[in-house]
Amino acid sequence: MPAPNNSHKGPEETETYTVITTSANEIVKPIHPQRMPVILEPEDYEQWMNGSAEEAFELLQPFDADKMQIVLSGEGEKSDAVG
């Protein structure tokens, strides 16, 4: 997911991150009907990091739901299963 790393300069330096969201895809909608994080394919990294603002904006699309799976779901769940 795109998460630009910015440093805040002040009395002490603090690492900050941003999560950019887009419309929810079909697998995310039952969990959160409106938004999901933008997820980039590795082949899109170069365009995201070095392209124009217009080229980066083109990548702000819902990730292909067929390439995703829910590995843990339920009220009170805090982490994904490992393995």
N, C-alpha and C. Protein backbone atom coordinates (compact mmCIF):
# COMPACT_ATOMS: atom_id res chain seq x y z
N MET A 1 0.85 -1.17 0.00
CA MET A 1 0.00 0.00 0.00
C MET A 1 0.89 1.22 0.00
N PRO A 2 0.56 2.25 -0.75
CA PRO A 2 1.41 3.42 -0.77
C PRO A 2 1.39 4.13 0.57
N ALA A 3 2.52 4.32 1.13
CA ALA A 3 2.60 5.01 2.40
C ALA A 3 3.82 5.91 2.39
N PRO A 4 3.70 7.10 1.80
CA PRO A 4 4.85 8.00 1.76
C PRO A 4 5.38 8.28 3.16
N ASN A 5 6.67 8.27 3.29
CA ASN A 5 7.32 8.49 4.57
C ASN A 5 7.82 9.93 4.62
N ASN A 6 7.35 10.69 5.58
CA ASN A 6 7.78 12.08 5.75
C ASN A 6 8.35 12.24 7.14
N SER A 7 9.30 13.10 7.27
CA SER A 7 9.87 13.40 8.58
C SER A 7 9.43 14.79 9.00
N HIS A 8 9.01 14.89 10.25
CA HIS A 8 8.62 16.18 10.82
C HIS A 8 9.81 16.70 11.60
N LYS A 9 10.24 17.92 11.30
CA LYS A 9 11.37 18.49 12.01
C LYS A 9 10.84 19.43 13.09
N GLY A 10 11.31 19.24 14.26
CA GLY A 10 10.91 20.05 15.40
C GLY A 10 11.89 19.75 16.51
N PRO A 11 11.44 19.84 17.76
CA PRO A 11 12.34 19.51 18.87
C PRO A 11 12.94 18.12 18.72
N GLU A 12 12.18 17.21 18.14
CA GLU A 12 12.71 15.89 17.83
C GLU A 12 12.13 15.45 16.49
N GLU A 13 12.85 14.63 15.78
CA GLU A 13 12.39 14.16 14.48
C GLU A 13 11.45 12.97 14.68
N THR A 14 10.32 12.97 13.98
CA THR A 14 9.32 11.92 14.10
C THR A 14 8.98 11.39 12.72
N GLU A 15 9.02 10.06 12.56
CA GLU A 15 8.62 9.46 11.30
C GLU A 15 7.09 9.49 11.21
N THR A 16 6.58 9.87 10.04
CA THR A 16 5.14 9.90 9.82
C THR A 16 4.81 9.15 8.54
N TYR A 17 3.61 8.63 8.46
CA TYR A 17 3.17 7.86 7.29
C TYR A 17 1.76 8.28 6.92
N THR A 18 1.42 8.07 5.66
CA THR A 18 0.09 8.37 5.16
C THR A 18 -0.46 7.13 4.47
N VAL A 19 -1.71 6.80 4.77
CA VAL A 19 -2.39 5.72 4.06
C VAL A 19 -3.36 6.37 3.10
N ILE A 20 -3.19 6.09 1.82
CA ILE A 20 -4.05 6.66 0.80
C ILE A 20 -5.14 5.65 0.50
N THR A 21 -6.39 6.11 0.46
CA THR A 21 -7.51 5.20 0.24
C THR A 21 -8.20 5.46 -1.09
N THR A 22 -8.98 4.47 -1.51
CA THR A 22 -9.78 4.53 -2.72
C THR A 22 -11.11 3.84 -2.42
N SER A 23 -11.95 3.71 -3.41
CA SER A 23 -13.22 3.01 -3.24
C SER A 23 -12.96 1.54 -2.91
N ALA A 24 -13.83 0.96 -2.10
CA ALA A 24 -13.70 -0.45 -1.73
C ALA A 24 -14.00 -1.36 -2.92
N ASN A 25 -13.23 -2.46 -3.03
CA ASN A 25 -13.53 -3.47 -4.06
C ASN A 25 -14.55 -4.47 -3.49
N GLU A 26 -14.91 -5.47 -4.27
CA GLU A 26 -15.97 -6.40 -3.87
C GLU A 26 -15.63 -7.24 -2.64
N ILE A 27 -14.36 -7.56 -2.42
CA ILE A 27 -14.00 -8.37 -1.25
C ILE A 27 -13.95 -7.52 0.03
N VAL A 28 -13.68 -6.24 -0.11
CA VAL A 28 -13.58 -5.34 1.04
C VAL A 28 -14.95 -4.77 1.44
N LYS A 29 -15.84 -4.58 0.48
CA LYS A 29 -17.14 -3.95 0.75
C LYS A 29 -17.91 -4.55 1.92
N PRO A 30 -17.95 -5.88 2.10
CA PRO A 30 -18.68 -6.41 3.26
C PRO A 30 -18.07 -5.99 4.60
N ILE A 31 -16.79 -5.67 4.60
CA ILE A 31 -16.10 -5.27 5.83
C ILE A 31 -16.15 -3.76 6.01
N HIS A 32 -15.86 -3.05 4.93
CA HIS A 32 -15.92 -1.58 4.93
C HIS A 32 -16.47 -1.15 3.58
N PRO A 33 -17.74 -0.77 3.52
CA PRO A 33 -18.41 -0.57 2.24
C PRO A 33 -17.93 0.61 1.39
N GLN A 34 -17.17 1.52 1.96
CA GLN A 34 -16.82 2.71 1.19
C GLN A 34 -15.37 2.81 0.77
N ARG A 35 -14.43 2.50 1.63
CA ARG A 35 -13.02 2.78 1.36
C ARG A 35 -12.14 1.57 1.64
N MET A 36 -10.97 1.57 1.00
CA MET A 36 -9.91 0.60 1.26
C MET A 36 -8.57 1.27 0.95
N PRO A 37 -7.47 0.76 1.51
CA PRO A 37 -6.17 1.31 1.16
C PRO A 37 -5.84 1.05 -0.30
N VAL A 38 -5.13 1.96 -0.92
CA VAL A 38 -4.61 1.72 -2.26
C VAL A 38 -3.50 0.69 -2.13
N ILE A 39 -3.55 -0.34 -2.98
CA ILE A 39 -2.52 -1.38 -3.01
C ILE A 39 -1.92 -1.36 -4.42
N LEU A 40 -0.61 -1.27 -4.48
CA LEU A 40 0.07 -1.23 -5.77
C LEU A 40 0.68 -2.58 -6.11
N GLU A 41 0.66 -2.91 -7.38
CA GLU A 41 1.41 -4.05 -7.90
C GLU A 41 2.88 -3.63 -7.98
N PRO A 42 3.82 -4.57 -7.79
CA PRO A 42 5.24 -4.20 -7.88
C PRO A 42 5.61 -3.49 -9.19
N GLU A 43 4.97 -3.87 -10.28
CA GLU A 43 5.30 -3.21 -11.56
C GLU A 43 4.84 -1.75 -11.61
N ASP A 44 4.05 -1.31 -10.63
CA ASP A 44 3.59 0.07 -10.57
C ASP A 44 4.46 0.96 -9.69
N TYR A 45 5.41 0.38 -8.96
CA TYR A 45 6.24 1.16 -8.03
C TYR A 45 6.96 2.31 -8.73
N GLU A 46 7.56 2.02 -9.87
CA GLU A 46 8.32 3.05 -10.59
C GLU A 46 7.42 4.23 -10.96
N GLN A 47 6.24 3.95 -11.49
CA GLN A 47 5.29 5.01 -11.85
C GLN A 47 4.89 5.80 -10.62
N TRP A 48 4.66 5.12 -9.50
CA TRP A 48 4.25 5.79 -8.26
C TRP A 48 5.36 6.70 -7.73
N MET A 49 6.59 6.20 -7.74
CA MET A 49 7.69 6.95 -7.14
C MET A 49 8.28 8.02 -8.05
N ASN A 50 8.27 7.79 -9.37
CA ASN A 50 8.98 8.69 -10.27
C ASN A 50 8.13 9.31 -11.36
N GLY A 51 6.87 8.91 -11.45
CA GLY A 51 5.99 9.47 -12.47
C GLY A 51 5.49 10.84 -12.09
N SER A 52 4.76 11.44 -13.00
CA SER A 52 4.13 12.74 -12.73
C SER A 52 2.98 12.54 -11.74
N ALA A 53 2.47 13.62 -11.22
CA ALA A 53 1.31 13.54 -10.33
C ALA A 53 0.14 12.89 -11.05
N GLU A 54 -0.02 13.22 -12.31
CA GLU A 54 -1.10 12.64 -13.13
C GLU A 54 -0.92 11.12 -13.26
N GLU A 55 0.30 10.67 -13.50
CA GLU A 55 0.58 9.24 -13.62
C GLU A 55 0.34 8.52 -12.30
N ALA A 56 0.73 9.13 -11.19
CA ALA A 56 0.49 8.54 -9.87
C ALA A 56 -1.00 8.47 -9.58
N PHE A 57 -1.74 9.51 -9.95
CA PHE A 57 -3.18 9.55 -9.71
C PHE A 57 -3.89 8.40 -10.41
N GLU A 58 -3.38 7.99 -11.58
CA GLU A 58 -3.98 6.88 -12.33
C GLU A 58 -3.94 5.57 -11.53
N LEU A 59 -3.03 5.45 -10.58
CA LEU A 59 -2.88 4.23 -9.80
C LEU A 59 -3.83 4.15 -8.61
N LEU A 60 -4.56 5.21 -8.34
CA LEU A 60 -5.46 5.26 -7.18
C LEU A 60 -6.78 4.56 -7.49
N GLN A 61 -6.69 3.26 -7.72
CA GLN A 61 -7.83 2.43 -8.09
C GLN A 61 -7.98 1.29 -7.08
N PRO A 62 -9.20 0.75 -6.95
CA PRO A 62 -9.34 -0.44 -6.08
C PRO A 62 -8.49 -1.59 -6.61
N PHE A 63 -7.86 -2.31 -5.71
CA PHE A 63 -7.04 -3.48 -6.07
C PHE A 63 -7.97 -4.59 -6.56
N ASP A 64 -7.49 -5.41 -7.49
CA ASP A 64 -8.26 -6.51 -8.05
C ASP A 64 -8.68 -7.49 -6.95
N ALA A 65 -9.98 -7.60 -6.70
CA ALA A 65 -10.50 -8.47 -5.63
C ALA A 65 -10.13 -9.93 -5.86
N ASP A 66 -9.95 -10.34 -7.10
CA ASP A 66 -9.56 -11.72 -7.40
C ASP A 66 -8.15 -12.05 -6.93
N LYS A 67 -7.36 -11.03 -6.62
CA LYS A 67 -5.99 -11.23 -6.13
C LYS A 67 -5.91 -11.13 -4.61
N MET A 68 -7.07 -11.06 -3.94
CA MET A 68 -7.12 -10.90 -2.49
C MET A 68 -7.89 -12.06 -1.87
N GLN A 69 -7.63 -12.28 -0.57
CA GLN A 69 -8.43 -13.23 0.19
C GLN A 69 -8.55 -12.74 1.62
N ILE A 70 -9.63 -13.07 2.27
CA ILE A 70 -9.81 -12.76 3.69
C ILE A 70 -9.21 -13.94 4.45
N VAL A 71 -8.22 -13.67 5.30
CA VAL A 71 -7.58 -14.75 6.04
C VAL A 71 -8.02 -14.80 7.50
N LEU A 72 -8.65 -13.75 7.98
CA LEU A 72 -9.15 -13.72 9.34
C LEU A 72 -10.25 -12.69 9.40
N SER A 73 -11.37 -13.06 9.96
CA SER A 73 -12.50 -12.13 10.02
C SER A 73 -13.29 -12.40 11.26
N GLY A 74 -13.83 -11.36 11.85
CA GLY A 74 -14.70 -11.55 13.02
C GLY A 74 -14.53 -10.44 14.02
N GLU A 75 -15.56 -10.23 14.79
CA GLU A 75 -15.54 -9.19 15.81
C GLU A 75 -14.47 -9.50 16.85
N GLY A 76 -13.68 -8.51 17.16
CA GLY A 76 -12.64 -8.67 18.18
C GLY A 76 -11.33 -9.25 17.66
N GLU A 77 -11.27 -9.65 16.39
CA GLU A 77 -10.03 -10.18 15.83
C GLU A 77 -9.03 -9.05 15.69
N LYS A 78 -7.78 -9.31 16.06
CA LYS A 78 -6.78 -8.25 16.04
C LYS A 78 -5.62 -8.52 15.10
N SER A 79 -5.45 -9.75 14.62
CA SER A 79 -4.33 -10.01 13.74
C SER A 79 -4.67 -11.15 12.78
N ASP A 80 -3.92 -11.21 11.70
CA ASP A 80 -4.13 -12.26 10.71
C ASP A 80 -3.44 -13.56 11.17
N ALA A 81 -4.03 -14.67 10.75
CA ALA A 81 -3.43 -15.97 11.04
C ALA A 81 -2.11 -16.09 10.29
N VAL A 82 -1.15 -16.74 10.89
CA VAL A 82 0.16 -16.94 10.26
C VAL A 82 0.22 -18.37 9.77
N GLY A 83 0.79 -18.54 8.57
CA GLY A 83 0.98 -19.91 8.11
C GLY A 83 0.42 -20.09 6.80
